[in-house]
Amino acid sequence: MILEVATLQIKEGQSTNFEAAFSLAKEIIAASPGHISHELQKCVEDKNKYLLLVQWETIEAHEIGFRKSEPYLKWKALLHHFYDPFPTVEHFELIHTSV
């Protein structure tokens, strides 16, 4: 399993609109092959900052399967105009868990 971690900085005053758009976009990513789960968290200290955590079966499921797909174009149209700057996206592998 791969964890995609994206820090999303949303343009000032656009958080409500971003959250509404994400409620539509979440269906797109959830339907992507290799998607396991996702969550969107809002920063307590910065009302315009979010953390998107997506679990993928493989990094290829994200980088190729999702990002090079037709549905990704819809995801991009719904969300990308809210970001400033464009998000940093990194991938992580689990080393240890308490569960």
PDB file of N, CA and C in Angstrom:
ATOM      1  N   MET A   1       0.830  -1.179   0.000  1.00  0.00           N
ATOM      2  CA  MET A   1       0.000   0.000   0.000  1.00  0.00           C
ATOM      3  C   MET A   1       0.882   1.252   0.000  1.00  0.00           C
ATOM      4  N   ILE A   2       0.438   2.256  -0.724  1.00  0.00           N
ATOM      5  CA  ILE A   2       1.120   3.544  -0.808  1.00  0.00           C
ATOM      6  C   ILE A   2       0.183   4.620  -0.279  1.00  0.00           C
ATOM      7  N   LEU A   3       0.730   5.527   0.510  1.00  0.00           N
ATOM      8  CA  LEU A   3      -0.043   6.658   1.005  1.00  0.00           C
ATOM      9  C   LEU A   3       0.395   7.910   0.254  1.00  0.00           C
ATOM     10  N   GLU A   4      -0.541   8.505  -0.457  1.00  0.00           N
ATOM     11  CA  GLU A   4      -0.311   9.794  -1.107  1.00  0.00           C
ATOM     12  C   GLU A   4      -0.657  10.880  -0.093  1.00  0.00           C
ATOM     13  N   VAL A   5       0.247  11.822   0.089  1.00  0.00           N
ATOM     14  CA  VAL A   5       0.028  12.931   1.008  1.00  0.00           C
ATOM     15  C   VAL A   5       0.162  14.222   0.212  1.00  0.00           C
ATOM     16  N   ALA A   6      -0.923  14.980   0.138  1.00  0.00           N
ATOM     17  CA  ALA A   6      -0.925  16.249  -0.587  1.00  0.00           C
ATOM     18  C   ALA A   6      -1.322  17.369   0.366  1.00  0.00           C
ATOM     19  N   THR A   7      -0.466  18.358   0.474  1.00  0.00           N
ATOM     20  CA  THR A   7      -0.773  19.552   1.258  1.00  0.00           C
ATOM     21  C   THR A   7      -1.398  20.557   0.306  1.00  0.00           C
ATOM     22  N   LEU A   8      -2.637  20.940   0.600  1.00  0.00           N
ATOM     23  CA  LEU A   8      -3.398  21.817  -0.280  1.00  0.00           C
ATOM     24  C   LEU A   8      -3.588  23.182   0.369  1.00  0.00           C
ATOM     25  N   GLN A   9      -3.036  24.203  -0.224  1.00  0.00           N
ATOM     26  CA  GLN A   9      -3.253  25.575   0.242  1.00  0.00           C
ATOM     27  C   GLN A   9      -4.288  26.193  -0.688  1.00  0.00           C
ATOM     28  N   ILE A  10      -5.419  26.556  -0.129  1.00  0.00           N
ATOM     29  CA  ILE A  10      -6.552  27.068  -0.902  1.00  0.00           C
ATOM     30  C   ILE A  10      -6.521  28.599  -0.892  1.00  0.00           C
ATOM     31  N   LYS A  11      -6.882  29.181  -2.015  1.00  0.00           N
ATOM     32  CA  LYS A  11      -6.919  30.645  -2.117  1.00  0.00           C
ATOM     33  C   LYS A  11      -7.829  31.231  -1.041  1.00  0.00           C
ATOM     34  N   GLU A  12      -7.410  32.363  -0.511  1.00  0.00           N
ATOM     35  CA  GLU A  12      -8.154  33.061   0.547  1.00  0.00           C
ATOM     36  C   GLU A  12      -9.625  33.227   0.154  1.00  0.00           C
ATOM     37  N   GLY A  13     -10.514  32.860   1.084  1.00  0.00           N
ATOM     38  CA  GLY A  13     -11.945  33.033   0.886  1.00  0.00           C
ATOM     39  C   GLY A  13     -12.607  31.958   0.035  1.00  0.00           C
ATOM     40  N   GLN A  14     -11.855  30.927  -0.358  1.00  0.00           N
ATOM     41  CA  GLN A  14     -12.395  29.894  -1.243  1.00  0.00           C
ATOM     42  C   GLN A  14     -12.603  28.536  -0.561  1.00  0.00           C
ATOM     43  N   SER A  15     -12.400  28.464   0.734  1.00  0.00           N
ATOM     44  CA  SER A  15     -12.490  27.173   1.431  1.00  0.00           C
ATOM     45  C   SER A  15     -13.869  26.526   1.297  1.00  0.00           C
ATOM     46  N   THR A  16     -14.922  27.302   1.460  1.00  0.00           N
ATOM     47  CA  THR A  16     -16.277  26.748   1.354  1.00  0.00           C
ATOM     48  C   THR A  16     -16.535  26.212  -0.051  1.00  0.00           C
ATOM     49  N   ASN A  17     -16.123  26.975  -1.058  1.00  0.00           N
ATOM     50  CA  ASN A  17     -16.293  26.531  -2.443  1.00  0.00           C
ATOM     51  C   ASN A  17     -15.443  25.299  -2.734  1.00  0.00           C
ATOM     52  N   PHE A  18     -14.228  25.277  -2.194  1.00  0.00           N
ATOM     53  CA  PHE A  18     -13.352  24.110  -2.372  1.00  0.00           C
ATOM     54  C   PHE A  18     -13.995  22.866  -1.765  1.00  0.00           C
ATOM     55  N   GLU A  19     -14.510  22.978  -0.556  1.00  0.00           N
ATOM     56  CA  GLU A  19     -15.132  21.831   0.104  1.00  0.00           C
ATOM     57  C   GLU A  19     -16.341  21.322  -0.683  1.00  0.00           C
ATOM     58  N   ALA A  20     -17.107  22.234  -1.249  1.00  0.00           N
ATOM     59  CA  ALA A  20     -18.259  21.836  -2.068  1.00  0.00           C
ATOM     60  C   ALA A  20     -17.788  21.107  -3.325  1.00  0.00           C
ATOM     61  N   ALA A  21     -16.753  21.619  -3.959  1.00  0.00           N
ATOM     62  CA  ALA A  21     -16.209  20.974  -5.158  1.00  0.00           C
ATOM     63  C   ALA A  21     -15.611  19.606  -4.817  1.00  0.00           C
ATOM     64  N   PHE A  22     -14.955  19.525  -3.654  1.00  0.00           N
ATOM     65  CA  PHE A  22     -14.371  18.243  -3.257  1.00  0.00           C
ATOM     66  C   PHE A  22     -15.447  17.194  -3.024  1.00  0.00           C
ATOM     67  N   SER A  23     -16.598  17.618  -2.544  1.00  0.00           N
ATOM     68  CA  SER A  23     -17.677  16.651  -2.306  1.00  0.00           C
ATOM     69  C   SER A  23     -18.121  15.996  -3.617  1.00  0.00           C
ATOM     70  N   LEU A  24     -17.938  16.667  -4.737  1.00  0.00           N
ATOM     71  CA  LEU A  24     -18.195  16.074  -6.056  1.00  0.00           C
ATOM     72  C   LEU A  24     -16.986  15.268  -6.532  1.00  0.00           C
ATOM     73  N   ALA A  25     -15.807  15.839  -6.348  1.00  0.00           N
ATOM     74  CA  ALA A  25     -14.578  15.215  -6.845  1.00  0.00           C
ATOM     75  C   ALA A  25     -14.243  13.911  -6.129  1.00  0.00           C
ATOM     76  N   LYS A  26     -14.656  13.778  -4.887  1.00  0.00           N
ATOM     77  CA  LYS A  26     -14.313  12.571  -4.123  1.00  0.00           C
ATOM     78  C   LYS A  26     -14.853  11.301  -4.783  1.00  0.00           C
ATOM     79  N   GLU A  27     -15.962  11.416  -5.483  1.00  0.00           N
ATOM     80  CA  GLU A  27     -16.523  10.256  -6.184  1.00  0.00           C
ATOM     81  C   GLU A  27     -15.634   9.822  -7.339  1.00  0.00           C
ATOM     82  N   ILE A  28     -14.957  10.777  -7.946  1.00  0.00           N
ATOM     83  CA  ILE A  28     -14.064  10.485  -9.072  1.00  0.00           C
ATOM     84  C   ILE A  28     -12.868   9.666  -8.601  1.00  0.00           C
ATOM     85  N   ILE A  29     -12.228  10.120  -7.536  1.00  0.00           N
ATOM     86  CA  ILE A  29     -11.041   9.413  -7.053  1.00  0.00           C
ATOM     87  C   ILE A  29     -11.418   8.058  -6.451  1.00  0.00           C
ATOM     88  N   ALA A  30     -12.554   7.996  -5.778  1.00  0.00           N
ATOM     89  CA  ALA A  30     -12.986   6.744  -5.154  1.00  0.00           C
ATOM     90  C   ALA A  30     -13.246   5.652  -6.187  1.00  0.00           C
ATOM     91  N   ALA A  31     -13.627   6.040  -7.395  1.00  0.00           N
ATOM     92  CA  ALA A  31     -13.921   5.069  -8.455  1.00  0.00           C
ATOM     93  C   ALA A  31     -12.681   4.644  -9.233  1.00  0.00           C
ATOM     94  N   SER A  32     -11.535   5.237  -8.923  1.00  0.00           N
ATOM     95  CA  SER A  32     -10.311   4.939  -9.664  1.00  0.00           C
ATOM     96  C   SER A  32      -9.751   3.565  -9.278  1.00  0.00           C
ATOM     97  N   PRO A  33      -9.384   2.752 -10.271  1.00  0.00           N
ATOM     98  CA  PRO A  33      -8.760   1.457  -9.959  1.00  0.00           C
ATOM     99  C   PRO A  33      -7.516   1.647  -9.093  1.00  0.00           C
ATOM    100  N   GLY A  34      -7.402   0.829  -8.071  1.00  0.00           N
ATOM    101  CA  GLY A  34      -6.253   0.909  -7.171  1.00  0.00           C
ATOM    102  C   GLY A  34      -6.469   1.822  -5.975  1.00  0.00           C
ATOM    103  N   HIS A  35      -7.569   2.576  -5.957  1.00  0.00           N
ATOM    104  CA  HIS A  35      -7.902   3.431  -4.816  1.00  0.00           C
ATOM    105  C   HIS A  35      -8.382   2.543  -3.674  1.00  0.00           C
ATOM    106  N   ILE A  36      -7.846   2.765  -2.498  1.00  0.00           N
ATOM    107  CA  ILE A  36      -8.272   2.022  -1.311  1.00  0.00           C
ATOM    108  C   ILE A  36      -9.165   2.896  -0.445  1.00  0.00           C
ATOM    109  N   SER A  37      -8.678   4.091  -0.109  1.00  0.00           N
ATOM    110  CA  SER A  37      -9.447   5.008   0.724  1.00  0.00           C
ATOM    111  C   SER A  37      -8.835   6.403   0.602  1.00  0.00           C
ATOM    112  N   HIS A  38      -9.579   7.382   1.087  1.00  0.00           N
ATOM    113  CA  HIS A  38      -9.044   8.736   1.125  1.00  0.00           C
ATOM    114  C   HIS A  38      -9.707   9.511   2.258  1.00  0.00           C
ATOM    115  N   GLU A  39      -9.040  10.564   2.674  1.00  0.00           N
ATOM    116  CA  GLU A  39      -9.625  11.479   3.641  1.00  0.00           C
ATOM    117  C   GLU A  39      -9.071  12.869   3.396  1.00  0.00           C
ATOM    118  N   LEU A  40      -9.905  13.854   3.675  1.00  0.00           N
ATOM    119  CA  LEU A  40      -9.526  15.256   3.570  1.00  0.00           C
ATOM    120  C   LEU A  40      -9.614  15.847   4.963  1.00  0.00           C
ATOM    121  N   GLN A  41      -8.524  16.447   5.412  1.00  0.00           N
ATOM    122  CA  GLN A  41      -8.501  17.054   6.737  1.00  0.00           C
ATOM    123  C   GLN A  41      -8.198  18.539   6.603  1.00  0.00           C
ATOM    124  N   LYS A  42      -8.855  19.335   7.448  1.00  0.00           N
ATOM    125  CA  LYS A  42      -8.656  20.777   7.440  1.00  0.00           C
ATOM    126  C   LYS A  42      -7.772  21.182   8.608  1.00  0.00           C
ATOM    127  N   CYS A  43      -6.822  22.039   8.338  1.00  0.00           N
ATOM    128  CA  CYS A  43      -5.893  22.508   9.360  1.00  0.00           C
ATOM    129  C   CYS A  43      -6.627  23.375  10.385  1.00  0.00           C
ATOM    130  N   VAL A  44      -6.335  23.175  11.636  1.00  0.00           N
ATOM    131  CA  VAL A  44      -6.948  23.944  12.711  1.00  0.00           C
ATOM    132  C   VAL A  44      -6.352  25.361  12.765  1.00  0.00           C
ATOM    133  N   GLU A  45      -5.046  25.466  12.532  1.00  0.00           N
ATOM    134  CA  GLU A  45      -4.369  26.757  12.635  1.00  0.00           C
ATOM    135  C   GLU A  45      -4.523  27.639  11.391  1.00  0.00           C
ATOM    136  N   ASP A  46      -4.709  27.014  10.237  1.00  0.00           N
ATOM    137  CA  ASP A  46      -4.799  27.760   8.973  1.00  0.00           C
ATOM    138  C   ASP A  46      -6.048  27.297   8.232  1.00  0.00           C
ATOM    139  N   LYS A  47      -7.095  28.104   8.232  1.00  0.00           N
ATOM    140  CA  LYS A  47      -8.393  27.711   7.672  1.00  0.00           C
ATOM    141  C   LYS A  47      -8.359  27.474   6.167  1.00  0.00           C
ATOM    142  N   ASN A  48      -7.275  27.846   5.503  1.00  0.00           N
ATOM    143  CA  ASN A  48      -7.150  27.649   4.059  1.00  0.00           C
ATOM    144  C   ASN A  48      -6.235  26.481   3.692  1.00  0.00           C
ATOM    145  N   LYS A  49      -5.802  25.714   4.670  1.00  0.00           N
ATOM    146  CA  LYS A  49      -4.880  24.605   4.427  1.00  0.00           C
ATOM    147  C   LYS A  49      -5.567  23.275   4.713  1.00  0.00           C
ATOM    148  N   TYR A  50      -5.369  22.328   3.795  1.00  0.00           N
ATOM    149  CA  TYR A  50      -5.953  20.986   3.912  1.00  0.00           C
ATOM    150  C   TYR A  50      -4.881  19.945   3.682  1.00  0.00           C
ATOM    151  N   LEU A  51      -5.146  18.766   4.183  1.00  0.00           N
ATOM    152  CA  LEU A  51      -4.296  17.621   3.947  1.00  0.00           C
ATOM    153  C   LEU A  51      -5.152  16.544   3.301  1.00  0.00           C
ATOM    154  N   LEU A  52      -4.751  16.123   2.107  1.00  0.00           N
ATOM    155  CA  LEU A  52      -5.431  15.043   1.409  1.00  0.00           C
ATOM    156  C   LEU A  52      -4.579  13.793   1.549  1.00  0.00           C
ATOM    157  N   LEU A  53      -5.165  12.751   2.123  1.00  0.00           N
ATOM    158  CA  LEU A  53      -4.484  11.466   2.318  1.00  0.00           C
ATOM    159  C   LEU A  53      -5.226  10.416   1.506  1.00  0.00           C
ATOM    160  N   VAL A  54      -4.511   9.780   0.584  1.00  0.00           N
ATOM    161  CA  VAL A  54      -5.134   8.769  -0.265  1.00  0.00           C
ATOM    162  C   VAL A  54      -4.306   7.495  -0.191  1.00  0.00           C
ATOM    163  N   GLN A  55      -4.959   6.400   0.106  1.00  0.00           N
ATOM    164  CA  GLN A  55      -4.294   5.100   0.100  1.00  0.00           C
ATOM    165  C   GLN A  55      -4.524   4.457  -1.261  1.00  0.00           C
ATOM    166  N   TRP A  56      -3.416   4.068  -1.893  1.00  0.00           N
ATOM    167  CA  TRP A  56      -3.435   3.407  -3.198  1.00  0.00           C
ATOM    168  C   TRP A  56      -2.813   2.025  -3.066  1.00  0.00           C
ATOM    169  N   GLU A  57      -3.242   1.117  -3.911  1.00  0.00           N
ATOM    170  CA  GLU A  57      -2.629  -0.216  -3.929  1.00  0.00           C
ATOM    171  C   GLU A  57      -1.159  -0.124  -4.323  1.00  0.00           C
ATOM    172  N   THR A  58      -0.860   0.720  -5.330  1.00  0.00           N
ATOM    173  CA  THR A  58       0.520   0.914  -5.812  1.00  0.00           C
ATOM    174  C   THR A  58       0.706   2.380  -6.192  1.00  0.00           C
ATOM    175  N   ILE A  59       1.941   2.800  -6.318  1.00  0.00           N
ATOM    176  CA  ILE A  59       2.216   4.167  -6.767  1.00  0.00           C
ATOM    177  C   ILE A  59       1.758   4.342  -8.219  1.00  0.00           C
ATOM    178  N   GLU A  60       1.848   3.279  -9.010  1.00  0.00           N
ATOM    179  CA  GLU A  60       1.408   3.333 -10.408  1.00  0.00           C
ATOM    180  C   GLU A  60      -0.099   3.573 -10.512  1.00  0.00           C
ATOM    181  N   ALA A  61      -0.862   3.047  -9.547  1.00  0.00           N
ATOM    182  CA  ALA A  61      -2.308   3.274  -9.546  1.00  0.00           C
ATOM    183  C   ALA A  61      -2.614   4.765  -9.464  1.00  0.00           C
ATOM    184  N   HIS A  62      -1.788   5.492  -8.736  1.00  0.00           N
ATOM    185  CA  HIS A  62      -1.970   6.938  -8.634  1.00  0.00           C
ATOM    186  C   HIS A  62      -1.351   7.670  -9.820  1.00  0.00           C
ATOM    187  N   GLU A  63      -0.055   7.454 -10.028  1.00  0.00           N
ATOM    188  CA  GLU A  63       0.699   8.221 -11.017  1.00  0.00           C
ATOM    189  C   GLU A  63       0.272   7.943 -12.465  1.00  0.00           C
ATOM    190  N   ILE A  64      -0.093   6.726 -12.754  1.00  0.00           N
ATOM    191  CA  ILE A  64      -0.457   6.365 -14.130  1.00  0.00           C
ATOM    192  C   ILE A  64      -1.967   6.135 -14.239  1.00  0.00           C
ATOM    193  N   GLY A  65      -2.479   5.234 -13.416  1.00  0.00           N
ATOM    194  CA  GLY A  65      -3.890   4.874 -13.501  1.00  0.00           C
ATOM    195  C   GLY A  65      -4.841   6.033 -13.271  1.00  0.00           C
ATOM    196  N   PHE A  66      -4.561   6.871 -12.280  1.00  0.00           N
ATOM    197  CA  PHE A  66      -5.455   7.997 -11.997  1.00  0.00           C
ATOM    198  C   PHE A  66      -5.054   9.245 -12.777  1.00  0.00           C
ATOM    199  N   ARG A  67      -3.806   9.660 -12.641  1.00  0.00           N
ATOM    200  CA  ARG A  67      -3.384  10.931 -13.241  1.00  0.00           C
ATOM    201  C   ARG A  67      -3.402  10.950 -14.770  1.00  0.00           C
ATOM    202  N   LYS A  68      -3.379   9.810 -15.395  1.00  0.00           N
ATOM    203  CA  LYS A  68      -3.402   9.767 -16.857  1.00  0.00           C
ATOM    204  C   LYS A  68      -4.765   9.307 -17.392  1.00  0.00           C
ATOM    205  N   SER A  69      -5.776   9.382 -16.544  1.00  0.00           N
ATOM    206  CA  SER A  69      -7.105   8.909 -16.929  1.00  0.00           C
ATOM    207  C   SER A  69      -8.017  10.057 -17.347  1.00  0.00           C
ATOM    208  N   GLU A  70      -9.064   9.725 -18.047  1.00  0.00           N
ATOM    209  CA  GLU A  70     -10.091  10.698 -18.428  1.00  0.00           C
ATOM    210  C   GLU A  70     -10.769  11.297 -17.185  1.00  0.00           C
ATOM    211  N   PRO A  71     -11.128  10.492 -16.174  1.00  0.00           N
ATOM    212  CA  PRO A  71     -11.744  11.076 -14.976  1.00  0.00           C
ATOM    213  C   PRO A  71     -10.857  12.107 -14.271  1.00  0.00           C
ATOM    214  N   TYR A  72      -9.527  11.948 -14.390  1.00  0.00           N
ATOM    215  CA  TYR A  72      -8.625  12.914 -13.755  1.00  0.00           C
ATOM    216  C   TYR A  72      -8.837  14.319 -14.320  1.00  0.00           C
ATOM    217  N   LEU A  73      -9.186  14.414 -15.590  1.00  0.00           N
ATOM    218  CA  LEU A  73      -9.444  15.723 -16.191  1.00  0.00           C
ATOM    219  C   LEU A  73     -10.619  16.409 -15.507  1.00  0.00           C
ATOM    220  N   LYS A  74     -11.622  15.640 -15.101  1.00  0.00           N
ATOM    221  CA  LYS A  74     -12.760  16.185 -14.361  1.00  0.00           C
ATOM    222  C   LYS A  74     -12.330  16.614 -12.955  1.00  0.00           C
ATOM    223  N   TRP A  75     -11.516  15.773 -12.300  1.00  0.00           N
ATOM    224  CA  TRP A  75     -10.951  16.089 -10.977  1.00  0.00           C
ATOM    225  C   TRP A  75     -10.192  17.411 -11.047  1.00  0.00           C
ATOM    226  N   LYS A  76      -9.338  17.516 -12.058  1.00  0.00           N
ATOM    227  CA  LYS A  76      -8.525  18.711 -12.263  1.00  0.00           C
ATOM    228  C   LYS A  76      -9.404  19.948 -12.468  1.00  0.00           C
ATOM    229  N   ALA A  77     -10.435  19.836 -13.301  1.00  0.00           N
ATOM    230  CA  ALA A  77     -11.331  20.965 -13.570  1.00  0.00           C
ATOM    231  C   ALA A  77     -12.091  21.399 -12.312  1.00  0.00           C
ATOM    232  N   LEU A  78     -12.445  20.451 -11.470  1.00  0.00           N
ATOM    233  CA  LEU A  78     -13.178  20.764 -10.246  1.00  0.00           C
ATOM    234  C   LEU A  78     -12.300  21.436  -9.187  1.00  0.00           C
ATOM    235  N   LEU A  79     -11.027  21.019  -9.084  1.00  0.00           N
ATOM    236  CA  LEU A  79     -10.228  21.400  -7.919  1.00  0.00           C
ATOM    237  C   LEU A  79      -9.008  22.285  -8.165  1.00  0.00           C
ATOM    238  N   HIS A  80      -8.342  22.122  -9.280  1.00  0.00           N
ATOM    239  CA  HIS A  80      -7.023  22.753  -9.422  1.00  0.00           C
ATOM    240  C   HIS A  80      -7.034  24.277  -9.365  1.00  0.00           C
ATOM    241  N   HIS A  81      -8.115  24.907  -9.726  1.00  0.00           N
ATOM    242  CA  HIS A  81      -8.151  26.373  -9.701  1.00  0.00           C
ATOM    243  C   HIS A  81      -8.228  26.949  -8.277  1.00  0.00           C
ATOM    244  N   PHE A  82      -8.435  26.095  -7.279  1.00  0.00           N
ATOM    245  CA  PHE A  82      -8.481  26.558  -5.893  1.00  0.00           C
ATOM    246  C   PHE A  82      -7.100  26.665  -5.260  1.00  0.00           C
ATOM    247  N   TYR A  83      -6.076  26.029  -5.824  1.00  0.00           N
ATOM    248  CA  TYR A  83      -4.764  25.914  -5.182  1.00  0.00           C
ATOM    249  C   TYR A  83      -3.870  27.128  -5.446  1.00  0.00           C
ATOM    250  N   ASP A  84      -3.211  27.591  -4.390  1.00  0.00           N
ATOM    251  CA  ASP A  84      -2.187  28.620  -4.525  1.00  0.00           C
ATOM    252  C   ASP A  84      -1.261  28.546  -3.326  1.00  0.00           C
ATOM    253  N   PRO A  85      -0.089  27.957  -3.514  1.00  0.00           N
ATOM    254  CA  PRO A  85       0.502  27.425  -4.743  1.00  0.00           C
ATOM    255  C   PRO A  85      -0.029  26.023  -5.043  1.00  0.00           C
ATOM    256  N   PHE A  86       0.428  25.462  -6.162  1.00  0.00           N
ATOM    257  CA  PHE A  86       0.034  24.109  -6.512  1.00  0.00           C
ATOM    258  C   PHE A  86       0.566  23.153  -5.445  1.00  0.00           C
ATOM    259  N   PRO A  87      -0.199  22.127  -5.087  1.00  0.00           N
ATOM    260  CA  PRO A  87       0.168  21.254  -3.967  1.00  0.00           C
ATOM    261  C   PRO A  87       1.468  20.474  -4.153  1.00  0.00           C
ATOM    262  N   THR A  88       2.087  20.246  -3.035  1.00  0.00           N
ATOM    263  CA  THR A  88       3.187  19.300  -2.953  1.00  0.00           C
ATOM    264  C   THR A  88       2.564  17.928  -2.715  1.00  0.00           C
ATOM    265  N   VAL A  89       2.937  16.955  -3.536  1.00  0.00           N
ATOM    266  CA  VAL A  89       2.401  15.601  -3.401  1.00  0.00           C
ATOM    267  C   VAL A  89       3.574  14.644  -3.205  1.00  0.00           C
ATOM    268  N   GLU A  90       3.476  13.837  -2.153  1.00  0.00           N
ATOM    269  CA  GLU A  90       4.516  12.847  -1.863  1.00  0.00           C
ATOM    270  C   GLU A  90       3.857  11.509  -1.596  1.00  0.00           C
ATOM    271  N   HIS A  91       4.650  10.443  -1.723  1.00  0.00           N
ATOM    272  CA  HIS A  91       4.151   9.074  -1.507  1.00  0.00           C
ATOM    273  C   HIS A  91       4.965   8.418  -0.396  1.00  0.00           C
ATOM    274  N   PHE A  92       4.273   7.685   0.453  1.00  0.00           N
ATOM    275  CA  PHE A  92       4.902   7.050   1.606  1.00  0.00           C
ATOM    276  C   PHE A  92       4.525   5.573   1.685  1.00  0.00           C
ATOM    277  N   GLU A  93       5.463   4.792   2.237  1.00  0.00           N
ATOM    278  CA  GLU A  93       5.213   3.369   2.511  1.00  0.00           C
ATOM    279  C   GLU A  93       5.183   3.179   4.016  1.00  0.00           C
ATOM    280  N   LEU A  94       4.269   2.356   4.489  1.00  0.00           N
ATOM    281  CA  LEU A  94       4.111   2.101   5.916  1.00  0.00           C
ATOM    282  C   LEU A  94       5.294   1.297   6.441  1.00  0.00           C
ATOM    283  N   ILE A  95       5.866   1.765   7.519  1.00  0.00           N
ATOM    284  CA  ILE A  95       6.971   1.082   8.197  1.00  0.00           C
ATOM    285  C   ILE A  95       6.488   0.470   9.506  1.00  0.00           C
ATOM    286  N   HIS A  96       5.647   1.208  10.224  1.00  0.00           N
ATOM    287  CA  HIS A  96       5.168   0.746  11.534  1.00  0.00           C
ATOM    288  C   HIS A  96       3.788   1.327  11.810  1.00  0.00           C
ATOM    289  N   THR A  97       2.951   0.560  12.456  1.00  0.00           N
ATOM    290  CA  THR A  97       1.638   1.034  12.900  1.00  0.00           C
ATOM    291  C   THR A  97       1.342   0.493  14.284  1.00  0.00           C
ATOM    292  N   SER A  98       0.528   1.205  15.036  1.00  0.00           N
ATOM    293  CA  SER A  98       0.157   0.734  16.372  1.00  0.00           C
ATOM    294  C   SER A  98      -1.102  -0.126  16.338  1.00  0.00           C
ATOM    295  N   VAL A  99      -1.714  -0.225  15.186  1.00  0.00           N
ATOM    296  CA  VAL A  99      -2.951  -0.998  15.070  1.00  0.00           C
ATOM    297  C   VAL A  99      -2.635  -2.470  14.851  1.00  0.00           C
TER     298      VAL A  99
END
